[in-house]
Amino acid sequence: MFTTPQSLEIMLEPLIRKRLELLYSDLQEAESTYVSLRNECDKQFSVMRNSLPDHLQHTAFMYEDVQLELQAIVESRIYLQGFKDAIELFSELNIYK
């Protein structure tokens, strides 16, 4: 059965989402540097957002929301590319058996 790149993405999307959730959970539990940097980032963004006049508060919120969406897209693409690379490597290794 031939799988198109789009169908591979559709099949892997729930797995990628779950794996990323587990990855972030593991990071928060085991990686103190990540937690420290995440907290510092949140603190600094909060300071910036709170220093804005009221009429720009929504703009700051929208900026943060878009940044999170961009990050989610990049994370998903990186994970998907990892699967594709693994499939290609597996295929290459099978050629030489």
N, C-alpha and C. Protein backbone atom coordinates (compact mmCIF):
# COMPACT_ATOMS: atom_id res chain seq x y z
N MET A 1 0.84 -1.18 0.00
CA MET A 1 0.00 0.00 0.00
C MET A 1 0.88 1.24 0.00
N PHE A 2 0.62 2.14 -0.94
CA PHE A 2 1.38 3.38 -1.05
C PHE A 2 0.74 4.46 -0.20
N THR A 3 1.54 5.16 0.57
CA THR A 3 1.04 6.22 1.43
C THR A 3 1.55 7.55 0.91
N THR A 4 0.65 8.48 0.67
CA THR A 4 1.05 9.81 0.22
C THR A 4 1.56 10.60 1.42
N PRO A 5 2.39 11.63 1.16
CA PRO A 5 2.86 12.46 2.28
C PRO A 5 1.71 13.06 3.09
N GLN A 6 0.62 13.45 2.41
CA GLN A 6 -0.51 14.03 3.14
C GLN A 6 -1.17 12.99 4.05
N SER A 7 -1.34 11.75 3.55
CA SER A 7 -1.97 10.74 4.39
C SER A 7 -1.06 10.35 5.56
N LEU A 8 0.25 10.39 5.34
CA LEU A 8 1.20 10.14 6.43
C LEU A 8 1.02 11.21 7.51
N GLU A 9 0.90 12.46 7.10
CA GLU A 9 0.70 13.54 8.06
C GLU A 9 -0.60 13.35 8.83
N ILE A 10 -1.66 12.97 8.15
CA ILE A 10 -2.96 12.78 8.79
C ILE A 10 -2.89 11.63 9.79
N MET A 11 -2.23 10.54 9.41
CA MET A 11 -2.13 9.38 10.30
C MET A 11 -1.26 9.68 11.52
N LEU A 12 -0.21 10.47 11.34
CA LEU A 12 0.73 10.72 12.43
C LEU A 12 0.33 11.88 13.32
N GLU A 13 -0.56 12.74 12.88
CA GLU A 13 -0.90 13.95 13.62
C GLU A 13 -1.32 13.67 15.07
N PRO A 14 -2.24 12.72 15.34
CA PRO A 14 -2.59 12.45 16.75
C PRO A 14 -1.40 11.91 17.56
N LEU A 15 -0.58 11.09 16.94
CA LEU A 15 0.60 10.56 17.62
C LEU A 15 1.59 11.68 17.94
N ILE A 16 1.80 12.57 16.99
CA ILE A 16 2.71 13.70 17.19
C ILE A 16 2.20 14.59 18.32
N ARG A 17 0.91 14.91 18.29
CA ARG A 17 0.34 15.78 19.32
C ARG A 17 0.52 15.15 20.71
N LYS A 18 0.23 13.86 20.83
CA LYS A 18 0.37 13.17 22.12
C LYS A 18 1.82 13.13 22.56
N ARG A 19 2.72 12.85 21.61
CA ARG A 19 4.14 12.76 21.94
C ARG A 19 4.69 14.11 22.39
N LEU A 20 4.26 15.19 21.74
CA LEU A 20 4.70 16.52 22.15
C LEU A 20 4.19 16.86 23.55
N GLU A 21 2.96 16.48 23.86
CA GLU A 21 2.43 16.69 25.20
C GLU A 21 3.28 15.96 26.23
N LEU A 22 3.64 14.71 25.93
CA LEU A 22 4.48 13.94 26.85
C LEU A 22 5.87 14.55 26.97
N LEU A 23 6.40 15.02 25.86
CA LEU A 23 7.73 15.65 25.87
C LEU A 23 7.74 16.87 26.78
N TYR A 24 6.74 17.74 26.64
CA TYR A 24 6.69 18.93 27.49
C TYR A 24 6.46 18.55 28.94
N SER A 25 5.67 17.54 29.19
CA SER A 25 5.46 17.09 30.55
C SER A 25 6.77 16.58 31.16
N ASP A 26 7.51 15.79 30.38
CA ASP A 26 8.81 15.30 30.84
C ASP A 26 9.79 16.44 31.08
N LEU A 27 9.78 17.42 30.19
CA LEU A 27 10.67 18.57 30.36
C LEU A 27 10.37 19.31 31.66
N GLN A 28 9.09 19.50 31.93
CA GLN A 28 8.71 20.24 33.12
C GLN A 28 9.04 19.48 34.40
N GLU A 29 9.05 18.16 34.32
CA GLU A 29 9.34 17.36 35.51
C GLU A 29 10.83 17.13 35.71
N ALA A 30 11.60 17.04 34.63
CA ALA A 30 12.97 16.58 34.76
C ALA A 30 14.03 17.59 34.36
N GLU A 31 13.66 18.65 33.69
CA GLU A 31 14.66 19.58 33.16
C GLU A 31 14.53 20.94 33.83
N SER A 32 15.32 21.14 34.87
CA SER A 32 15.19 22.38 35.65
C SER A 32 15.57 23.60 34.82
N THR A 33 16.50 23.47 33.89
CA THR A 33 16.87 24.61 33.04
C THR A 33 15.70 25.03 32.18
N TYR A 34 14.98 24.07 31.62
CA TYR A 34 13.81 24.38 30.81
C TYR A 34 12.77 25.12 31.65
N VAL A 35 12.49 24.60 32.82
CA VAL A 35 11.48 25.21 33.69
C VAL A 35 11.90 26.64 34.06
N SER A 36 13.15 26.81 34.40
CA SER A 36 13.65 28.13 34.77
C SER A 36 13.53 29.11 33.60
N LEU A 37 13.95 28.69 32.41
CA LEU A 37 13.86 29.56 31.24
C LEU A 37 12.41 29.85 30.86
N ARG A 38 11.55 28.85 30.96
CA ARG A 38 10.13 29.05 30.64
C ARG A 38 9.52 30.06 31.60
N ASN A 39 9.83 29.93 32.88
CA ASN A 39 9.31 30.86 33.88
C ASN A 39 9.83 32.28 33.64
N GLU A 40 11.11 32.39 33.32
CA GLU A 40 11.70 33.70 33.04
C GLU A 40 11.06 34.33 31.80
N CYS A 41 10.83 33.54 30.78
CA CYS A 41 10.19 34.02 29.56
C CYS A 41 8.78 34.53 29.87
N ASP A 42 8.03 33.75 30.62
CA ASP A 42 6.67 34.16 31.00
C ASP A 42 6.69 35.45 31.81
N LYS A 43 7.64 35.54 32.73
CA LYS A 43 7.75 36.73 33.58
C LYS A 43 8.07 37.96 32.74
N GLN A 44 9.05 37.84 31.84
CA GLN A 44 9.44 38.99 31.02
C GLN A 44 8.31 39.42 30.08
N PHE A 45 7.61 38.46 29.49
CA PHE A 45 6.51 38.82 28.61
C PHE A 45 5.40 39.49 29.40
N SER A 46 5.15 39.02 30.60
CA SER A 46 4.13 39.63 31.45
C SER A 46 4.50 41.07 31.78
N VAL A 47 5.76 41.31 32.08
CA VAL A 47 6.22 42.68 32.37
C VAL A 47 6.00 43.58 31.15
N MET A 48 6.37 43.07 29.98
CA MET A 48 6.17 43.86 28.76
C MET A 48 4.69 44.13 28.52
N ARG A 49 3.89 43.10 28.63
CA ARG A 49 2.45 43.24 28.38
C ARG A 49 1.81 44.21 29.37
N ASN A 50 2.19 44.11 30.63
CA ASN A 50 1.60 44.97 31.66
C ASN A 50 2.05 46.42 31.55
N SER A 51 3.17 46.65 30.89
CA SER A 51 3.64 48.03 30.74
C SER A 51 3.00 48.73 29.54
N LEU A 52 2.25 48.00 28.77
CA LEU A 52 1.56 48.58 27.61
C LEU A 52 0.30 49.31 28.04
N PRO A 53 -0.05 50.35 27.32
CA PRO A 53 -1.34 51.00 27.60
C PRO A 53 -2.49 50.04 27.31
N ASP A 54 -3.63 50.32 27.89
CA ASP A 54 -4.79 49.44 27.76
C ASP A 54 -5.16 49.14 26.32
N HIS A 55 -5.07 50.13 25.45
CA HIS A 55 -5.50 49.90 24.07
C HIS A 55 -4.57 48.96 23.29
N LEU A 56 -3.40 48.64 23.85
CA LEU A 56 -2.48 47.69 23.20
C LEU A 56 -2.44 46.32 23.88
N GLN A 57 -3.20 46.15 24.95
CA GLN A 57 -3.21 44.88 25.66
C GLN A 57 -3.67 43.74 24.75
N HIS A 58 -4.71 43.98 23.98
CA HIS A 58 -5.22 42.94 23.08
C HIS A 58 -4.18 42.59 22.02
N THR A 59 -3.47 43.60 21.53
CA THR A 59 -2.41 43.37 20.54
C THR A 59 -1.33 42.46 21.10
N ALA A 60 -0.94 42.69 22.33
CA ALA A 60 0.07 41.84 22.97
C ALA A 60 -0.45 40.42 23.13
N PHE A 61 -1.70 40.28 23.51
CA PHE A 61 -2.31 38.96 23.64
C PHE A 61 -2.31 38.24 22.30
N MET A 62 -2.71 38.95 21.24
CA MET A 62 -2.74 38.36 19.90
C MET A 62 -1.34 37.96 19.44
N TYR A 63 -0.35 38.78 19.74
CA TYR A 63 1.03 38.46 19.38
C TYR A 63 1.47 37.16 20.06
N GLU A 64 1.21 37.07 21.35
CA GLU A 64 1.58 35.86 22.08
C GLU A 64 0.86 34.64 21.53
N ASP A 65 -0.41 34.79 21.19
CA ASP A 65 -1.19 33.69 20.64
C ASP A 65 -0.61 33.23 19.30
N VAL A 66 -0.27 34.17 18.44
CA VAL A 66 0.31 33.83 17.14
C VAL A 66 1.67 33.14 17.32
N GLN A 67 2.46 33.61 18.25
CA GLN A 67 3.76 32.99 18.51
C GLN A 67 3.59 31.53 18.94
N LEU A 68 2.60 31.27 19.78
CA LEU A 68 2.35 29.89 20.23
C LEU A 68 1.89 29.02 19.06
N GLU A 69 1.06 29.57 18.19
CA GLU A 69 0.61 28.83 17.00
C GLU A 69 1.79 28.50 16.09
N LEU A 70 2.67 29.48 15.88
CA LEU A 70 3.86 29.25 15.05
C LEU A 70 4.74 28.15 15.66
N GLN A 71 4.92 28.20 16.96
CA GLN A 71 5.72 27.20 17.65
C GLN A 71 5.12 25.81 17.48
N ALA A 72 3.81 25.71 17.59
CA ALA A 72 3.14 24.42 17.43
C ALA A 72 3.33 23.87 16.02
N ILE A 73 3.26 24.74 15.02
CA ILE A 73 3.47 24.29 13.64
C ILE A 73 4.89 23.78 13.45
N VAL A 74 5.86 24.52 13.95
CA VAL A 74 7.26 24.12 13.81
C VAL A 74 7.51 22.79 14.53
N GLU A 75 6.98 22.66 15.74
CA GLU A 75 7.17 21.41 16.49
C GLU A 75 6.61 20.22 15.73
N SER A 76 5.41 20.40 15.20
CA SER A 76 4.77 19.32 14.45
C SER A 76 5.58 18.95 13.22
N ARG A 77 6.05 19.96 12.50
CA ARG A 77 6.83 19.71 11.28
C ARG A 77 8.15 19.01 11.61
N ILE A 78 8.79 19.41 12.67
CA ILE A 78 10.05 18.77 13.08
C ILE A 78 9.80 17.30 13.39
N TYR A 79 8.74 17.03 14.15
CA TYR A 79 8.42 15.65 14.51
C TYR A 79 8.08 14.83 13.27
N LEU A 80 7.26 15.40 12.38
CA LEU A 80 6.89 14.72 11.14
C LEU A 80 8.12 14.43 10.30
N GLN A 81 9.04 15.40 10.21
CA GLN A 81 10.25 15.18 9.44
C GLN A 81 11.08 14.05 10.07
N GLY A 82 11.09 13.97 11.37
CA GLY A 82 11.78 12.87 12.04
C GLY A 82 11.22 11.52 11.64
N PHE A 83 9.89 11.42 11.57
CA PHE A 83 9.26 10.18 11.12
C PHE A 83 9.66 9.87 9.68
N LYS A 84 9.60 10.89 8.82
CA LYS A 84 9.96 10.68 7.42
C LYS A 84 11.42 10.24 7.29
N ASP A 85 12.30 10.86 8.06
CA ASP A 85 13.71 10.48 8.04
C ASP A 85 13.90 9.04 8.51
N ALA A 86 13.15 8.66 9.55
CA ALA A 86 13.25 7.29 10.06
C ALA A 86 12.77 6.29 9.02
N ILE A 87 11.67 6.62 8.33
CA ILE A 87 11.15 5.72 7.28
C ILE A 87 12.17 5.60 6.15
N GLU A 88 12.75 6.73 5.76
CA GLU A 88 13.75 6.70 4.68
C GLU A 88 14.98 5.90 5.10
N LEU A 89 15.43 6.10 6.32
CA LEU A 89 16.59 5.35 6.82
C LEU A 89 16.27 3.86 6.87
N PHE A 90 15.10 3.51 7.37
CA PHE A 90 14.70 2.11 7.42
C PHE A 90 14.68 1.52 6.02
N SER A 91 14.15 2.27 5.08
CA SER A 91 14.08 1.82 3.69
C SER A 91 15.50 1.62 3.14
N GLU A 92 16.37 2.55 3.40
CA GLU A 92 17.75 2.45 2.93
C GLU A 92 18.45 1.23 3.56
N LEU A 93 18.23 1.00 4.83
CA LEU A 93 18.86 -0.14 5.50
C LEU A 93 18.35 -1.47 4.94
N ASN A 94 17.08 -1.51 4.59
CA ASN A 94 16.50 -2.72 4.01
C ASN A 94 17.06 -3.02 2.62
N ILE A 95 17.46 -1.98 1.90
CA ILE A 95 18.05 -2.17 0.58
C ILE A 95 19.36 -2.95 0.67
N TYR A 96 20.11 -2.69 1.72
CA TYR A 96 21.43 -3.29 1.87
C TYR A 96 21.42 -4.61 2.61
N LYS A 97 20.27 -5.17 2.91
CA LYS A 97 20.21 -6.47 3.58
C LYS A 97 20.47 -7.60 2.62
